[in-house]
Every structure is written in C-alpha cells, then in structure tokens.
C-alpha cells in the first residue's frame, strides 16, 4: 500500500510579495499608501512606490511642500485638462479622405463641464498664474525650467515661482472645492505681509 505524502505548508509571505526587485538607475520613487487591490477585507492598505521623476506635483507633495488640498486641486486641474483635450479634433482638409474614417466625436457633458471649470480656474488665477500653473501641471516643468522659459535664471526667481505656484494651487483648491475661500485669503494676506508660510 502506498503512503500518502504530506503536502508542504504554503508560505503566504512569498505569495503576496509584489515589490520590485530591480530599479532603474535614475528612478525617483517615494513610498505611498494605497488601497490593496488583492485585499480580502475592504479598506486594507499597502505601501507602494510612486515614480515622481516626471511629476513635479507629486514630488512637491511627497516632500511635504504641498498640503493635501493643494495636491488634490492640482490633480483635479490635470484631470480636467486631459478630459477637455480629448474633445473633437479639427478636420485637416489637406489629408486625403479615406473610406471608413471616423467622423467627428460629439462633445460629451463631462468634457463640457471640464472646460467650464478650466475657464473659471483661468479667470481666478489670472494670466500669469494660469501660465505658471499650465507650465507645471500640464507640461511638467520644474521651477528652474519655468524660470528658464522666461529667461529668469536665479535662485530668487525659482523661489518666487515656487511661492506663486503654491498661491495658484490655493486658488485652485477653492475653485474645485477642496478648501474654503477664507483659508486661501489667509495665505494671500500672510504672503503679502512678508511672513513666512511653513507647510
């Protein structure tokens, strides 16, 4: 009679080890806590690594230079910009017409609402604030690159653009409802009076 073999106990620690073992040489990663996609109970969290190499907003938030309202307002602006950019594309009359080509896509209600929020945000930020916000949040420029784009390359100008960008994020937090107008006014008055704002 054959003996039954005992099965080895499963090592559960190896099953759920989803960490990257090798990273690229120039990776800029920060640990963040996110919802576990393989969790058995809702609300369980895991620590993951987020790349902030081409994400100035994520880098500033990871280094505690932005608060949560500013970070969420910046992400909301980016989402609205992406949603608005997916709108109908212009027809190029120089291209040859091909049968089966897609027609124009209609503007959806989500795209229309995104454009309305972006228009309101640009009015609130002003021309200079909207340009700085667009450079950082859409084009992914750092403060040094924002200064170089305007031919203003010094640490003093970098500090100015960083401070101005934070003020713009405060205004965006009010526009998107992540902050009250009272908080944004307090930051504006504190910055104007020359007091230092520590976050």
Protein backbone atom coordinates (compact mmCIF):
# COMPACT_ATOMS: atom_id res chain seq x y z
CA UNK A 1 0.00 0.00 0.00
CA UNK A 2 1.38 3.42 -0.98
CA UNK A 3 1.98 6.01 1.69
CA UNK A 4 0.27 9.32 1.29
CA UNK A 5 2.67 12.21 1.07
CA UNK A 6 2.25 15.17 3.30
CA UNK A 7 1.98 18.43 1.46
CA UNK A 8 4.30 21.22 2.48
CA UNK A 9 2.64 24.20 4.13
CA UNK A 10 2.25 27.22 1.88
CA UNK A 11 4.39 30.23 2.63
CA UNK A 12 1.94 33.07 2.32
CA UNK A 13 4.63 35.72 2.71
CA UNK A 14 6.07 34.84 -0.72
CA UNK A 15 2.68 34.81 -2.47
CA UNK A 16 1.89 38.47 -1.84
CA UNK A 17 5.37 39.90 -2.20
CA UNK A 18 4.81 42.24 -5.15
CA UNK A 19 7.75 44.56 -4.58
CA UNK A 20 10.04 45.50 -7.45
CA UNK A 21 13.42 43.88 -7.10
CA UNK A 22 15.41 45.95 -9.59
CA UNK A 23 15.02 49.66 -10.18
CA UNK A 24 16.38 51.79 -12.96
CA UNK A 25 19.43 53.90 -12.22
CA UNK A 26 17.71 57.29 -12.44
CA UNK A 27 14.44 56.37 -10.72
CA UNK A 28 12.90 58.89 -8.33
CA UNK A 29 10.48 56.96 -6.14
CA UNK A 30 8.54 57.78 -3.00
CA UNK A 31 6.56 55.37 -0.82
CA UNK A 32 2.80 55.95 -0.77
CA UNK A 33 0.00 54.11 0.98
CA UNK A 34 -2.75 52.87 -1.37
CA UNK A 35 -5.73 50.52 -1.24
CA UNK A 36 -4.66 46.89 -1.62
CA UNK A 37 -6.12 45.59 -4.91
CA UNK A 38 -5.85 41.98 -3.67
CA UNK A 39 -7.20 42.63 -0.17
CA UNK A 40 -9.65 40.24 1.40
CA UNK A 41 -11.14 42.96 3.61
CA UNK A 42 -12.18 46.35 2.22
CA UNK A 43 -10.01 49.23 3.33
CA UNK A 44 -6.75 47.30 3.67
CA UNK A 45 -3.72 49.33 2.63
CA UNK A 46 -0.32 48.51 1.20
CA UNK A 47 2.78 50.62 0.67
CA UNK A 48 3.69 51.11 -2.98
CA UNK A 49 6.39 53.10 -4.73
CA UNK A 50 5.26 56.02 -6.89
CA UNK A 51 7.50 57.50 -9.55
CA UNK A 52 7.87 61.27 -9.25
CA UNK A 53 10.54 61.67 -11.90
CA UNK A 54 8.30 63.49 -14.39
CA UNK A 55 5.70 64.63 -11.88
CA UNK A 56 6.56 67.94 -10.19
CA UNK A 57 3.25 68.00 -8.31
CA UNK A 58 3.82 64.51 -6.89
CA UNK A 59 7.40 65.38 -5.95
CA UNK A 60 6.33 68.53 -4.08
CA UNK A 61 3.62 66.60 -2.24
CA UNK A 62 5.97 63.73 -1.38
CA UNK A 63 8.47 66.17 0.14
CA UNK A 64 5.69 67.78 2.23
CA UNK A 65 5.92 71.10 0.37
CA UNK A 66 2.21 70.96 -0.56
CA UNK A 67 -0.74 70.09 1.62
CA UNK A 68 -3.45 67.63 0.59
CA UNK A 69 -5.88 70.31 -0.64
CA UNK A 70 -3.25 71.82 -2.94
CA UNK A 71 -2.25 68.39 -4.24
CA UNK A 72 -5.83 67.31 -4.90
CA UNK A 73 -6.60 70.62 -6.62
CA UNK A 74 -3.59 70.17 -8.89
CA UNK A 75 -4.69 66.63 -9.79
CA UNK A 76 -8.25 67.85 -10.46
CA UNK A 77 -6.86 70.52 -12.82
CA UNK A 78 -4.79 67.89 -14.62
CA UNK A 79 -7.80 65.56 -14.95
CA UNK A 80 -9.95 68.37 -16.34
CA UNK A 81 -7.23 69.31 -18.80
CA UNK A 82 -6.93 65.70 -20.03
CA UNK A 83 -10.69 65.36 -20.31
CA UNK A 84 -11.01 68.64 -22.24
CA UNK A 85 -8.14 67.73 -24.59
CA UNK A 86 -9.93 64.56 -25.72
CA UNK A 87 -12.60 66.65 -27.39
CA UNK A 88 -13.35 66.77 -31.09
CA UNK A 89 -10.30 67.16 -33.29
CA UNK A 90 -10.18 69.60 -36.18
CA UNK A 91 -10.53 68.14 -39.66
CA UNK A 92 -7.42 68.51 -41.78
CA UNK A 93 -8.60 69.37 -45.32
CA UNK A 94 -5.15 68.68 -46.77
CA UNK A 95 -5.38 64.98 -45.91
CA UNK A 96 -6.95 62.61 -48.37
CA UNK A 97 -10.37 61.30 -47.38
CA UNK A 98 -10.37 57.58 -46.65
CA UNK A 99 -13.49 55.41 -46.56
CA UNK A 100 -14.23 54.16 -43.10
CA UNK A 101 -12.59 57.11 -41.43
CA UNK A 102 -14.09 58.13 -38.14
CA UNK A 103 -16.35 61.13 -38.07
CA UNK A 104 -16.26 63.85 -35.51
CA UNK A 105 -16.86 62.79 -31.95
CA UNK A 106 -19.52 64.82 -30.19
CA UNK A 107 -18.60 66.82 -27.11
CA UNK A 108 -19.73 64.95 -24.03
CA UNK A 109 -21.22 66.55 -20.94
CA UNK A 110 -18.09 65.63 -18.94
CA UNK A 111 -15.88 67.44 -21.44
CA UNK A 112 -18.13 70.49 -21.38
CA UNK A 113 -18.06 70.62 -17.57
CA UNK A 114 -14.26 70.23 -17.59
CA UNK A 115 -13.90 73.18 -19.99
CA UNK A 116 -16.19 75.30 -17.81
CA UNK A 117 -14.12 74.50 -14.70
CA UNK A 118 -10.88 75.26 -16.57
CA UNK A 119 -12.27 78.60 -17.75
CA UNK A 120 -13.25 79.52 -14.21
CA UNK A 121 -9.84 78.44 -12.91
CA UNK A 122 -8.06 80.59 -15.51
CA UNK A 123 -10.16 83.62 -14.56
CA UNK A 124 -9.35 83.07 -10.88
CA UNK A 125 -5.62 82.58 -11.50
CA UNK A 126 -5.10 85.47 -13.87
CA UNK A 127 -2.93 85.40 -16.95
CA UNK A 128 0.43 84.96 -15.18
CA UNK A 129 -0.88 82.43 -12.65
CA UNK A 130 -2.59 80.39 -15.36
CA UNK A 131 0.65 80.32 -17.39
CA UNK A 132 2.73 79.12 -14.42
CA UNK A 133 0.10 76.53 -13.46
CA UNK A 134 -0.12 75.29 -17.05
CA UNK A 135 3.68 75.01 -17.32
CA UNK A 136 3.97 72.93 -14.14
CA UNK A 137 0.78 70.83 -14.21
CA UNK A 138 0.41 70.22 -17.96
CA UNK A 139 3.96 70.40 -19.30
CA UNK A 140 5.63 69.02 -16.15
CA UNK A 141 8.24 71.77 -15.85
CA UNK A 142 10.21 72.32 -12.67
CA UNK A 143 10.56 75.79 -11.14
CA UNK A 144 14.02 76.14 -12.69
CA UNK A 145 12.60 75.31 -16.12
CA UNK A 146 9.74 77.77 -15.61
CA UNK A 147 12.32 80.46 -14.88
CA UNK A 148 14.49 79.50 -17.85
CA UNK A 149 11.46 79.65 -20.14
CA UNK A 150 11.03 83.28 -19.08
CA UNK A 151 14.80 84.00 -19.20
CA UNK A 152 14.87 84.45 -15.40
CA UNK A 153 17.51 82.06 -14.11
CA UNK A 154 18.40 82.64 -10.47
CA UNK A 155 17.50 81.10 -7.13
CA UNK A 156 15.50 84.17 -6.22
CA UNK A 157 13.26 83.73 -9.28
CA UNK A 158 12.93 79.99 -8.59
CA UNK A 159 11.71 80.80 -5.09
CA UNK A 160 9.28 83.37 -6.50
CA UNK A 161 7.82 80.89 -8.99
CA UNK A 162 7.51 78.22 -6.28
CA UNK A 163 5.68 80.65 -3.99
CA UNK A 164 3.47 81.86 -6.85
CA UNK A 165 2.66 78.27 -7.86
CA UNK A 166 1.56 77.47 -4.28
CA UNK A 167 -0.70 80.53 -4.32
CA UNK A 168 -2.20 79.29 -7.59
CA UNK A 169 -2.82 75.87 -6.05
CA UNK A 170 -4.57 77.58 -3.12
CA UNK A 171 -6.88 79.33 -5.60
CA UNK A 172 -7.47 76.05 -7.45
CA UNK A 173 -8.34 74.36 -4.15
CA UNK A 174 -11.09 76.96 -3.69
CA UNK A 175 -12.31 76.56 -7.30
CA UNK A 176 -12.50 72.78 -7.00
CA UNK A 177 -14.00 72.82 -3.51
CA UNK A 178 -11.09 71.29 -1.58
CA UNK A 179 -10.64 74.42 0.52
CA UNK A 180 -12.65 77.42 1.65
CA UNK A 181 -12.04 80.92 0.40
CA UNK A 182 -11.19 82.01 3.95
CA UNK A 183 -8.12 79.73 4.01
CA UNK A 184 -6.89 80.98 0.63
CA UNK A 185 -7.36 84.62 1.68
CA UNK A 186 -5.37 83.95 4.87
CA UNK A 187 -2.47 82.54 2.84
CA UNK A 188 -2.59 85.52 0.43
CA UNK A 189 -2.57 88.05 3.29
CA UNK A 190 0.25 86.23 5.08
CA UNK A 191 2.35 86.11 1.90
CA UNK A 192 1.72 89.80 1.18
CA UNK A 193 2.70 90.87 4.70
CA UNK A 194 6.07 89.15 4.28
CA UNK A 195 5.53 86.43 6.86
CA UNK A 196 6.88 83.02 6.07
CA UNK A 197 4.37 80.26 5.40
CA UNK A 198 5.52 76.91 6.73
CA UNK A 199 3.71 73.86 5.49
